Protein backbone atom coordinates (compact mmCIF):
# COMPACT_ATOMS: atom_id res chain seq x y z
CA MET A 1 57.71 -133.47 -85.97
CA LEU A 2 54.95 -133.40 -88.61
CA ILE A 3 54.11 -137.06 -87.97
CA TRP A 4 53.82 -136.40 -84.26
CA LEU A 5 51.43 -133.50 -84.87
CA LEU A 6 49.16 -136.07 -86.45
CA LEU A 7 49.80 -138.99 -84.11
CA VAL A 8 49.28 -137.21 -80.78
CA PRO A 9 45.49 -136.63 -81.17
CA VAL A 10 45.01 -140.09 -82.75
CA LEU A 11 46.84 -141.86 -79.89
CA ALA A 12 44.87 -139.84 -77.35
CA ALA A 13 41.61 -140.75 -79.07
CA VAL A 14 42.50 -144.45 -78.87
CA LEU A 15 43.33 -144.15 -75.15
CA MET A 16 40.05 -142.46 -74.22
CA PRO A 17 38.42 -145.60 -72.71
CA VAL A 18 41.54 -146.13 -70.57
CA ALA A 19 41.43 -142.52 -69.36
CA GLU A 20 37.75 -142.81 -68.49
CA GLY A 21 38.44 -145.95 -66.50
CA TRP A 22 41.23 -144.16 -64.64
CA ARG A 23 39.02 -141.32 -63.37
CA ARG A 24 35.62 -139.89 -64.12
CA ASP A 25 36.82 -136.85 -66.06
CA GLY A 26 39.98 -138.54 -67.36
CA SER A 27 38.94 -138.25 -71.03
CA ARG A 28 38.62 -134.49 -70.63
CA TRP A 29 42.05 -134.15 -69.11
CA LEU A 30 43.61 -136.45 -71.70
CA SER A 31 42.16 -134.27 -74.48
CA LEU A 32 43.67 -131.16 -72.87
CA VAL A 33 47.04 -132.89 -72.51
CA ALA A 34 47.02 -134.07 -76.13
CA LEU A 35 46.17 -130.62 -77.48
CA GLY A 36 48.70 -129.07 -75.13
CA LEU A 37 51.38 -131.40 -76.52
CA GLN A 38 50.47 -130.32 -80.03
CA ALA A 39 50.92 -126.70 -78.96
CA LEU A 40 54.35 -127.54 -77.52
CA LEU A 41 55.32 -129.22 -80.79
CA LEU A 42 54.36 -126.08 -82.70
CA LEU A 43 56.24 -123.65 -80.44
CA PRO A 44 59.80 -124.20 -81.73
CA LEU A 45 58.86 -124.28 -85.40
CA GLY A 46 59.85 -121.40 -87.65
CA SER A 47 61.07 -120.50 -91.13
CA ASP A 48 64.54 -121.47 -92.32
CA GLY A 49 64.23 -119.37 -95.48
CA GLY A 50 63.01 -122.20 -97.71
CA THR A 51 59.67 -122.83 -99.32
CA TRP A 52 58.67 -125.22 -96.55
CA TRP A 53 59.64 -124.85 -92.90
CA LEU A 54 59.39 -128.62 -92.48
CA GLU A 55 58.81 -131.30 -95.14
CA SER A 56 58.43 -135.05 -94.92
CA ARG A 57 58.37 -137.52 -97.85
CA THR A 58 57.85 -141.27 -97.55
CA ASP A 59 56.60 -143.80 -100.08
CA TRP A 60 53.19 -145.20 -99.26
CA LEU A 61 51.80 -146.92 -102.37
CA PRO A 62 54.55 -146.31 -104.96
CA LEU A 63 52.89 -148.44 -107.64
CA LEU A 64 49.94 -146.01 -107.56
CA GLY A 65 52.09 -142.93 -107.19
CA ILE A 66 50.78 -142.25 -103.70
CA GLY A 67 53.22 -140.92 -101.08
CA TRP A 68 53.21 -139.64 -97.52
CA HIS A 69 54.13 -136.03 -98.37
CA LEU A 70 53.65 -133.45 -95.63
CA GLY A 71 54.77 -129.85 -95.56
CA LEU A 72 54.50 -126.91 -93.17
CA ASP A 73 54.79 -123.21 -94.11
CA GLY A 74 53.53 -119.96 -92.61
CA LEU A 75 49.95 -120.44 -93.85
CA SER A 76 49.53 -123.95 -92.50
CA TYR A 77 51.37 -122.96 -89.30
CA LEU A 78 48.85 -120.20 -88.59
CA LEU A 79 45.89 -122.50 -89.22
CA LEU A 80 47.39 -125.23 -87.07
CA TRP A 81 47.63 -122.82 -84.17
CA LEU A 82 44.01 -121.84 -84.75
CA THR A 83 43.05 -125.55 -84.75
CA VAL A 84 44.89 -126.34 -81.54
CA ALA A 85 43.73 -123.23 -79.69
CA LEU A 86 40.07 -123.73 -80.54
CA GLY A 87 40.37 -127.47 -79.91
CA ILE A 88 41.37 -126.59 -76.34
CA VAL A 89 38.48 -124.14 -76.17
CA SER A 90 36.07 -126.87 -77.39
CA VAL A 91 37.19 -129.20 -74.60
CA LEU A 92 36.83 -126.51 -71.93
CA ILE A 93 33.37 -125.33 -72.97
CA SER A 94 32.03 -128.89 -73.17
CA TRP A 95 33.33 -129.74 -69.65
CA ARG A 96 29.85 -129.64 -68.10
CA GLU A 97 27.67 -129.71 -71.21
CA ILE A 98 28.57 -133.25 -72.28
CA ARG A 99 27.45 -135.76 -69.65
CA GLN A 100 26.78 -138.92 -71.67
CA ARG A 101 29.38 -141.07 -73.47
CA VAL A 102 32.03 -138.53 -72.55
CA ALA A 103 35.01 -140.61 -73.66
CA PHE A 104 33.49 -141.29 -77.08
CA PHE A 105 32.74 -137.56 -77.47
CA HIS A 106 36.35 -136.59 -76.87
CA CYS A 107 37.52 -139.45 -79.08
CA ASN A 108 35.54 -138.01 -81.96
CA LEU A 109 36.67 -134.48 -81.15
CA LEU A 110 40.36 -135.46 -81.31
CA LEU A 111 39.91 -137.54 -84.45
CA SER A 112 38.33 -134.54 -86.09
CA VAL A 113 41.32 -132.41 -84.96
CA ALA A 114 43.70 -135.04 -86.41
CA GLY A 115 41.86 -134.94 -89.77
CA ILE A 116 42.04 -131.13 -89.85
CA VAL A 117 45.74 -131.15 -89.02
CA GLY A 118 46.28 -133.64 -91.85
CA VAL A 119 44.38 -131.40 -94.29
CA PHE A 120 46.61 -128.46 -93.40
CA LEU A 121 49.78 -130.55 -93.85
CA ALA A 122 49.14 -132.93 -96.72
CA LEU A 123 50.87 -132.20 -100.06
CA ASP A 124 49.93 -135.47 -101.73
CA LEU A 125 46.42 -135.09 -103.13
CA PHE A 126 45.36 -138.63 -102.34
CA LEU A 127 46.57 -138.19 -98.76
CA PHE A 128 44.80 -134.85 -98.64
CA PHE A 129 41.56 -136.54 -99.68
CA VAL A 130 41.98 -139.19 -96.98
CA PHE A 131 42.31 -136.51 -94.29
CA TRP A 132 39.47 -134.53 -95.85
CA GLU A 133 37.20 -137.54 -95.28
CA LEU A 134 38.67 -138.37 -91.88
CA MET A 135 37.66 -135.01 -90.42
CA LEU A 136 34.10 -135.47 -91.72
CA ILE A 137 33.00 -138.72 -90.01
CA PRO A 138 33.77 -137.65 -86.39
CA MET A 139 32.00 -134.35 -86.96
CA VAL A 140 28.91 -136.11 -88.25
CA LEU A 141 28.92 -138.27 -85.12
CA LEU A 142 29.32 -135.24 -82.84
CA ILE A 143 26.20 -133.73 -84.37
CA ALA A 144 24.15 -136.95 -84.58
CA ILE A 145 24.84 -138.21 -81.06
CA TRP A 146 25.26 -135.11 -78.90
CA GLY A 147 23.21 -132.60 -80.91
CA HIS A 148 19.76 -131.19 -80.24
CA ASP A 149 16.27 -132.33 -81.22
CA ASN A 150 16.65 -132.36 -85.02
CA ARG A 151 20.24 -133.60 -84.94
CA HIS A 152 19.83 -136.66 -87.17
CA TYR A 153 18.41 -134.61 -90.03
CA ALA A 154 21.19 -132.01 -89.67
CA ALA A 155 23.93 -134.66 -89.53
CA THR A 156 22.54 -136.47 -92.57
CA LYS A 157 22.28 -133.27 -94.58
CA PHE A 158 25.83 -132.27 -93.64
CA PHE A 159 27.10 -135.71 -94.65
CA ILE A 160 25.30 -135.76 -98.00
CA PHE A 161 26.45 -132.26 -99.01
CA THR A 162 30.06 -132.95 -98.06
CA GLN A 163 30.21 -136.44 -99.56
CA ALA A 164 28.64 -135.38 -102.86
CA SER A 165 31.06 -132.50 -103.27
CA SER A 166 34.00 -134.64 -102.17
CA LEU A 167 33.19 -137.11 -104.92
CA LEU A 168 33.66 -134.32 -107.48
CA MET A 169 37.01 -133.49 -105.92
CA LEU A 170 38.06 -137.16 -106.02
CA ILE A 171 37.21 -137.32 -109.74
CA ALA A 172 39.26 -134.14 -110.31
CA ILE A 173 42.19 -135.60 -108.36
CA LEU A 174 42.08 -138.77 -110.45
CA GLY A 175 41.88 -136.65 -113.59
CA LEU A 176 45.08 -134.84 -112.59
CA ALA A 177 46.86 -138.12 -111.77
CA PHE A 178 45.91 -139.69 -115.11
CA ALA A 179 46.88 -136.51 -116.96
CA HIS A 180 50.30 -136.77 -115.30
CA ARG A 181 50.62 -140.38 -116.47
CA ALA A 182 49.63 -139.35 -120.00
CA GLN A 183 52.35 -136.70 -120.09
CA THR A 184 55.14 -138.47 -118.22
CA GLY A 185 54.29 -142.18 -118.24
CA VAL A 186 54.17 -142.21 -114.42
CA ILE A 187 51.08 -141.75 -112.27
CA SER A 188 51.49 -139.31 -109.39
CA PHE A 189 49.31 -137.59 -106.81
CA ASP A 190 52.08 -135.35 -105.51
CA ARG A 191 51.35 -131.65 -105.59
CA ASP A 192 54.88 -130.76 -106.73
CA ASP A 193 54.58 -133.09 -109.73
CA LEU A 194 51.09 -131.97 -110.63
CA LEU A 195 52.14 -128.31 -110.60
CA GLN A 196 54.31 -129.08 -113.68
CA LEU A 197 51.39 -130.33 -115.78
CA GLN A 198 50.41 -128.60 -119.03
CA LEU A 199 46.62 -128.95 -119.19
CA SER A 200 44.34 -127.94 -122.01
CA PRO A 201 42.10 -125.00 -121.13
CA VAL A 202 38.93 -127.11 -121.29
CA LEU A 203 40.31 -129.90 -119.09
CA ALA A 204 41.78 -127.43 -116.60
CA HIS A 205 38.43 -125.63 -116.36
CA TRP A 206 36.47 -128.79 -115.55
CA LEU A 207 39.05 -130.12 -113.10
CA MET A 208 39.20 -126.74 -111.39
CA LEU A 209 35.42 -126.77 -111.00
CA GLY A 210 35.62 -130.18 -109.26
CA PHE A 211 37.96 -128.72 -106.64
CA PHE A 212 36.06 -125.45 -106.42
CA VAL A 213 32.67 -127.04 -105.69
CA ALA A 214 34.15 -129.26 -102.95
CA PHE A 215 35.86 -126.34 -101.26
CA ALA A 216 32.91 -124.00 -101.82
CA VAL A 217 30.53 -126.41 -100.04
CA LYS A 218 32.82 -126.50 -97.02
CA LEU A 219 33.41 -122.74 -97.11
CA PRO A 220 30.26 -122.49 -97.53
CA MET A 221 29.31 -120.49 -100.59
CA VAL A 222 25.81 -119.45 -101.56
CA PRO A 223 23.87 -121.39 -102.90
CA LEU A 224 25.73 -124.45 -101.51
CA HIS A 225 25.40 -123.26 -97.91
CA THR A 226 22.06 -124.77 -96.82
CA TRP A 227 23.64 -127.52 -94.72
CA LEU A 228 25.37 -124.98 -92.46
CA PRO A 229 22.50 -123.37 -90.46
CA ASP A 230 21.01 -126.79 -89.72
CA ALA A 231 24.32 -128.31 -88.69
CA HIS A 232 25.27 -125.33 -86.48
CA THR A 233 21.83 -125.12 -84.89
CA GLU A 234 21.66 -128.80 -83.93
CA ALA A 235 25.31 -129.38 -83.04
CA PRO A 236 26.54 -129.24 -79.42
CA THR A 237 28.48 -126.07 -78.59
CA ALA A 238 31.87 -127.72 -79.16
CA GLY A 239 30.63 -129.03 -82.51
CA SER A 240 29.52 -125.55 -83.54
CA VAL A 241 32.89 -124.13 -82.56
CA MET A 242 34.77 -126.75 -84.55
CA LEU A 243 32.54 -126.30 -87.55
CA ALA A 244 32.55 -122.52 -87.67
CA ALA A 245 36.05 -121.77 -86.45
CA ILE A 246 38.04 -124.53 -88.16
CA LEU A 247 36.21 -126.75 -90.65
CA LEU A 248 34.98 -123.81 -92.73
CA LYS A 249 38.62 -122.71 -93.04
CA THR A 250 39.61 -125.97 -94.73
CA GLY A 251 37.57 -124.92 -97.77
CA ALA A 252 39.38 -121.59 -98.06
CA TYR A 253 42.71 -123.32 -97.42
CA GLY A 254 42.02 -125.80 -100.21
CA LEU A 255 41.42 -122.96 -102.64
CA LEU A 256 44.70 -121.29 -101.66
CA ARG A 257 46.84 -124.42 -101.50
CA PHE A 258 45.50 -126.43 -104.44
CA SER A 259 42.88 -124.78 -106.62
CA LEU A 260 44.72 -121.54 -107.47
CA PRO A 261 48.23 -122.99 -107.96
CA LEU A 262 47.13 -126.10 -109.89
CA PHE A 263 44.78 -124.26 -112.25
CA PRO A 264 46.12 -120.68 -112.59
CA GLU A 265 44.62 -119.78 -115.94
CA ALA A 266 41.26 -121.43 -115.21
CA SER A 267 41.12 -119.77 -111.77
CA ALA A 268 41.91 -116.34 -113.21
CA ALA A 269 39.19 -116.78 -115.87
CA PHE A 270 36.70 -117.96 -113.23
CA ALA A 271 37.59 -115.18 -110.76
CA PRO A 272 34.78 -112.75 -111.74
CA VAL A 273 32.18 -115.48 -111.18
CA ALA A 274 33.71 -116.49 -107.84
CA MET A 275 33.91 -112.88 -106.68
CA THR A 276 30.26 -112.33 -107.62
CA LEU A 277 29.27 -115.42 -105.67
CA GLY A 278 31.30 -114.13 -102.73
CA VAL A 279 29.44 -110.80 -102.78
CA LEU A 280 26.14 -112.68 -103.03
CA GLY A 281 27.09 -114.67 -99.94
CA ILE A 282 28.01 -111.48 -98.05
CA LEU A 283 24.62 -109.86 -98.68
CA TYR A 284 22.43 -112.97 -98.56
CA GLY A 285 24.02 -114.22 -95.33
CA ALA A 286 23.55 -110.84 -93.67
CA LYS A 287 19.93 -110.66 -94.79
CA LEU A 288 19.07 -114.09 -93.43
CA ALA A 289 20.96 -113.44 -90.17
CA PHE A 290 18.87 -110.30 -89.66
CA ALA A 291 15.66 -112.33 -90.07
CA GLN A 292 16.40 -114.92 -87.38
CA HIS A 293 14.88 -115.30 -83.92
CA ASP A 294 17.00 -118.34 -82.99
CA MET A 295 20.22 -116.86 -81.66
CA LYS A 296 22.34 -119.81 -82.80
CA ARG A 297 20.85 -119.79 -86.27
CA LEU A 298 21.58 -116.05 -86.51
CA VAL A 299 25.23 -116.63 -85.67
CA ALA A 300 25.34 -119.47 -88.21
CA TYR A 301 24.16 -117.22 -91.03
CA THR A 302 26.78 -114.63 -90.09
CA SER A 303 29.37 -117.24 -91.07
CA VAL A 304 27.93 -117.36 -94.59
CA SER A 305 28.37 -113.59 -94.81
CA HIS A 306 31.85 -113.49 -93.33
CA MET A 307 33.14 -116.36 -95.45
CA GLY A 308 31.75 -114.55 -98.50
CA PHE A 309 34.42 -111.92 -97.74
CA VAL A 310 37.03 -114.71 -97.76
CA LEU A 311 35.89 -115.90 -101.17
CA LEU A 312 35.94 -112.33 -102.49
CA GLY A 313 39.46 -111.78 -101.19
CA ILE A 314 40.86 -115.01 -102.55
CA TYR A 315 39.62 -114.49 -106.09
CA ALA A 316 40.59 -110.82 -106.19
CA LEU A 317 44.03 -112.32 -106.97
CA ASN A 318 45.62 -109.41 -105.16
CA GLY A 319 48.24 -109.49 -102.43
CA MET A 320 46.35 -107.20 -100.06
CA ALA A 321 43.07 -109.04 -100.55
CA LEU A 322 44.69 -112.43 -100.05
CA GLN A 323 46.25 -111.30 -96.77
CA GLY A 324 42.86 -109.93 -95.76
CA ALA A 325 41.22 -113.26 -96.58
CA VAL A 326 43.63 -115.12 -94.33
CA MET A 327 43.15 -112.50 -91.59
CA GLN A 328 39.38 -112.94 -91.95
CA MET A 329 39.79 -116.70 -91.49
CA LEU A 330 41.59 -116.06 -88.19
CA ALA A 331 39.27 -113.28 -86.98
CA HIS A 332 36.11 -115.19 -87.91
CA GLY A 333 37.44 -118.23 -86.10
CA PHE A 334 37.76 -116.33 -82.84
CA SER A 335 34.66 -114.08 -83.01
CA THR A 336 32.18 -116.67 -84.27
CA ALA A 337 33.49 -119.35 -81.93
CA ALA A 338 32.98 -116.89 -79.06
CA LEU A 339 29.42 -116.09 -80.12
CA PHE A 340 28.52 -119.78 -80.31
CA ILE A 341 29.99 -120.27 -76.86
CA VAL A 342 27.89 -117.42 -75.52
CA VAL A 343 24.76 -118.98 -77.04
CA GLY A 344 25.67 -122.31 -75.49
CA MET A 345 26.09 -120.71 -72.08
CA LEU A 346 22.71 -118.99 -72.32
CA TYR A 347 21.05 -122.21 -73.46
CA GLU A 348 22.61 -124.08 -70.56
CA ARG A 349 21.10 -121.58 -68.11
CA TRP A 350 17.60 -121.08 -69.57
CA HIS A 351 17.19 -123.83 -72.22
CA THR A 352 16.18 -121.37 -74.94
CA ARG A 353 17.91 -119.62 -77.81
CA ASP A 354 14.88 -117.54 -78.83
CA LEU A 355 15.77 -113.85 -78.86
CA ARG A 356 12.16 -113.01 -78.01
CA GLN A 357 12.64 -114.72 -74.64
CA LEU A 358 16.10 -113.41 -73.80
CA GLY A 359 15.60 -109.70 -73.17
CA GLY A 360 17.26 -107.76 -70.36
CA LEU A 361 20.27 -110.03 -69.86
CA TRP A 362 22.43 -107.06 -68.90
CA THR A 363 20.76 -106.94 -65.51
CA ARG A 364 20.85 -110.72 -65.08
CA LEU A 365 24.38 -111.54 -66.33
CA PRO A 366 26.40 -108.34 -66.64
CA ARG A 367 29.79 -109.98 -67.20
CA LEU A 368 28.56 -112.43 -69.83
CA SER A 369 26.59 -109.58 -71.45
CA GLY A 370 29.78 -107.54 -71.66
CA PHE A 371 31.52 -110.33 -73.55
CA THR A 372 28.48 -110.70 -75.80
CA MET A 373 28.60 -107.05 -76.76
CA LEU A 374 32.35 -107.22 -77.48
CA PHE A 375 31.99 -110.23 -79.75
CA ALA A 376 28.99 -108.72 -81.55
CA LEU A 377 31.03 -105.57 -82.17
CA ALA A 378 33.85 -107.71 -83.52
CA SER A 379 31.42 -109.40 -85.86
CA LEU A 380 30.28 -106.05 -87.32
CA GLY A 381 33.92 -105.02 -87.91
CA LEU A 382 34.57 -102.45 -85.18
CA PRO A 383 37.95 -100.71 -85.67
CA GLY A 384 40.52 -101.96 -83.18
CA LEU A 385 39.34 -105.59 -83.50
CA ALA A 386 40.71 -108.24 -85.85
CA ASN A 387 37.62 -108.40 -88.09
CA PHE A 388 38.03 -104.77 -89.09
CA VAL A 389 41.60 -105.30 -90.29
CA ALA A 390 40.54 -108.33 -92.33
CA GLU A 391 37.55 -106.71 -94.03
CA PHE A 392 39.45 -103.51 -94.73
CA LEU A 393 42.28 -105.39 -96.46
CA ILE A 394 39.81 -107.49 -98.50
CA LEU A 395 37.82 -104.50 -99.70
CA ALA A 396 40.95 -102.40 -100.36
CA GLY A 397 42.46 -105.22 -102.39
CA ALA A 398 39.27 -106.13 -104.25
CA PHE A 399 38.79 -102.44 -105.11
CA GLN A 400 41.94 -102.63 -107.23
CA ARG A 401 40.34 -105.46 -109.22
CA THR A 402 36.74 -104.26 -109.57
CA TRP A 403 35.39 -101.21 -107.79
CA PRO A 404 31.65 -101.72 -108.65
CA LEU A 405 31.59 -105.22 -107.13
CA THR A 406 33.56 -104.01 -104.14
CA ALA A 407 31.08 -101.17 -103.61
CA VAL A 408 28.24 -103.69 -103.45
CA ALA A 409 30.26 -105.92 -101.10
CA ALA A 410 30.77 -102.96 -98.78
CA LEU A 411 27.02 -102.94 -98.17
CA GLY A 412 27.66 -106.15 -96.25
CA LEU A 413 29.25 -103.99 -93.53
CA VAL A 414 25.89 -102.27 -93.09
CA GLY A 415 24.21 -105.65 -92.91
CA ALA A 416 26.72 -106.78 -90.28
CA ALA A 417 25.92 -103.73 -88.20
CA LEU A 418 22.22 -104.47 -88.47
CA TYR A 419 22.29 -108.12 -87.39
CA SER A 420 24.96 -107.55 -84.70
CA LEU A 421 23.12 -104.63 -83.11
CA LEU A 422 19.84 -106.56 -83.40
CA LEU A 423 21.45 -109.41 -81.48
CA VAL A 424 22.64 -107.02 -78.76
CA GLN A 425 19.35 -105.05 -78.54
CA ARG A 426 17.08 -108.10 -78.33
CA SER A 427 19.18 -110.10 -75.89
CA LEU A 428 20.80 -107.54 -73.61
CA TRP A 429 18.37 -104.59 -73.38
CA GLY A 430 14.72 -104.15 -72.58
CA ALA A 431 12.69 -105.74 -69.83
CA ALA A 432 14.30 -108.73 -68.14
CA LYS A 433 12.46 -111.81 -69.36
CA PRO A 434 14.41 -114.89 -68.13
CA ALA A 435 13.98 -115.92 -64.53
CA ALA A 436 16.50 -114.56 -62.09
CA GLY A 437 19.01 -116.77 -60.26
CA ALA A 438 21.18 -118.06 -63.09
CA PRO A 439 24.91 -117.67 -62.33
CA ASP A 440 27.13 -115.30 -64.29
CA CYS A 441 30.42 -116.40 -65.84
CA SER A 442 32.30 -119.09 -63.95
CA ARG A 443 36.11 -119.06 -63.82
CA ARG A 444 36.32 -121.57 -66.64
CA GLU A 445 33.95 -119.50 -68.78
CA TRP A 446 35.87 -116.35 -67.89
CA LEU A 447 39.10 -118.02 -69.03
CA VAL A 448 37.65 -119.11 -72.38
CA LEU A 449 35.84 -115.90 -73.25
CA GLY A 450 38.65 -113.71 -71.94
CA ALA A 451 41.23 -115.53 -74.09
CA LEU A 452 39.10 -115.14 -77.21
CA ALA A 453 38.48 -111.44 -76.47
CA LEU A 454 42.20 -110.87 -75.93
CA ALA A 455 43.01 -112.57 -79.24
CA LEU A 456 40.56 -110.33 -81.13
CA VAL A 457 41.95 -107.17 -79.55
CA TRP A 458 45.59 -108.22 -79.96
CA PHE A 459 45.31 -109.10 -83.67
CA GLY A 460 43.15 -106.05 -84.24
CA LEU A 461 45.77 -103.69 -82.83
CA HIS A 462 48.85 -105.64 -83.93
CA PRO A 463 48.07 -107.67 -87.10
CA GLN A 464 51.57 -107.35 -88.56
CA PRO A 465 52.88 -110.76 -87.26
CA VAL A 466 50.05 -112.56 -89.04
CA LEU A 467 50.54 -110.63 -92.27
CA GLU A 468 54.28 -111.33 -92.23
CA LEU A 469 53.71 -114.98 -91.44
CA VAL A 470 51.54 -115.61 -94.51
CA ARG A 471 53.18 -113.18 -96.93
CA GLU A 472 55.62 -115.62 -98.57
CA PRO A 473 53.12 -118.48 -98.93
CA LEU A 474 50.60 -116.12 -100.47
CA LEU A 475 53.21 -114.69 -102.79
CA ARG A 476 53.80 -118.20 -104.15
CA VAL A 477 50.04 -118.67 -104.56
CA LEU A 478 49.75 -115.37 -106.40
CA ASP A 479 52.77 -115.92 -108.65
CA ALA A 480 51.14 -118.87 -110.44
CA PRO A 481 48.03 -117.02 -111.68
CA LEU A 482 50.03 -113.90 -112.51
CA ALA A 483 52.66 -115.80 -114.44
CA HIS A 484 50.18 -117.49 -116.73
CA SER A 485 46.87 -115.68 -116.73
CA GLY A 486 47.83 -112.21 -117.93
CA VAL A 487 46.19 -110.54 -114.92
CA GLU A 488 48.19 -107.34 -114.29
CA LEU A 489 48.51 -107.33 -110.51
CA SER A 490 52.17 -108.07 -109.85
CA SER A 491 53.18 -104.45 -109.44
CA SER A 492 50.50 -103.98 -106.78
CA TRP A 493 51.80 -106.99 -104.87
CA LEU A 494 55.40 -105.90 -105.10
CA SER A 495 54.51 -102.45 -103.84
CA LEU A 496 52.81 -104.06 -100.85
CA ARG A 497 55.93 -106.10 -100.13
CA GLY A 498 58.02 -102.97 -100.37
CA ARG A 499 55.88 -101.25 -97.71
CA GLY A 500 56.15 -104.26 -95.42
CA LEU A 501 52.54 -105.36 -95.77
């Protein structure tokens, strides 16, 4: 089952030229079929009470200690659903936007999905690195070929940032493998084997930093975020959705799956620095978003702010904050993807993203404007929507660790209100500036935006299934730092479990 989750998008990507030869929009339909098959494969999966719901082990390069080790638990299951759902959304919203080299576009889109799925399943660190690189190349091509005017600069910058940080992670992975050989006489890249290592504090600190920088760039964390606004601004709408809604989550996932469990003491010692950087990202991202006139660039900077909450929640090393961080990953995926789709729809109609030229849309496009307001309110954390649940859990959990830093982070909620209401005021209200005659939401656009709106409302009013799904995986993440670092948070986590959170 795990192998097929990887093979389906790869096989579909290979068959794209055949599909295009079959019919004009064959590559689009093949992409939908492939992603639909992945969804069907995910439907029957569930927990059997073990650590991993499904696990697959096969030797790959045994002389080098490299194996084909895949595993699925509640955390990866949730993120796989997010990947598949927003992959389908990406195909639907690019149905009319992409008109050149359509088959190659969908080939790259599905290869990127395959790489992301591999990242969420891989438990061998060498295999994880392979998938980490695999998801990068197609995304660079999506930006460089189908992006906007400054696309080559944005794609090159994205590539350099990611490759430079990935090199540090590769060095750290090799360091772990050689440390395993020094202690056992056998080289191994398997996560289960590397979890048993006894590393010196200095070595663990430096190896942890190698992983942290790689994941922080993808997150992205201030000051390693500068690739993101350029990449988002120049990417096609589907590329922006994939970047914001899914690729950024691979950085947070890497911290939860590898960095915290492999380096518990080093992570606990580094936590105050990471939390401070998260708060800096919250405030700095909100400030820059408020200063933008380009609607797409504004939404891009909101991602820096929202993912700052994720970093704060992860390094609070608290059960409530960790659940909030995962909830924020899900909520941010839906809300920011929706805002990028709205921007793409407006650009398709009037070929501008400048807020100074987009006033009075409520009278021009009332239905699209209604969706815009809903997603802007989700971004600012309106109660009843998923973002509110996520940010409340993060701040409540972080408060147990450090209330002064949490109080500063809470100012980010004010910043979110400012840039979200600015977006609404400048684009929807005032005198109508764009020319009349542009159509409101089509049925396809209604389907996409309506599904995303429903997801935000559903998880905002009923978040318990998500919290239950990730509770056991996060408990295992939290147990490692608590068992070795001396951070006194276990009683807080156990009390959360007792209350069903």
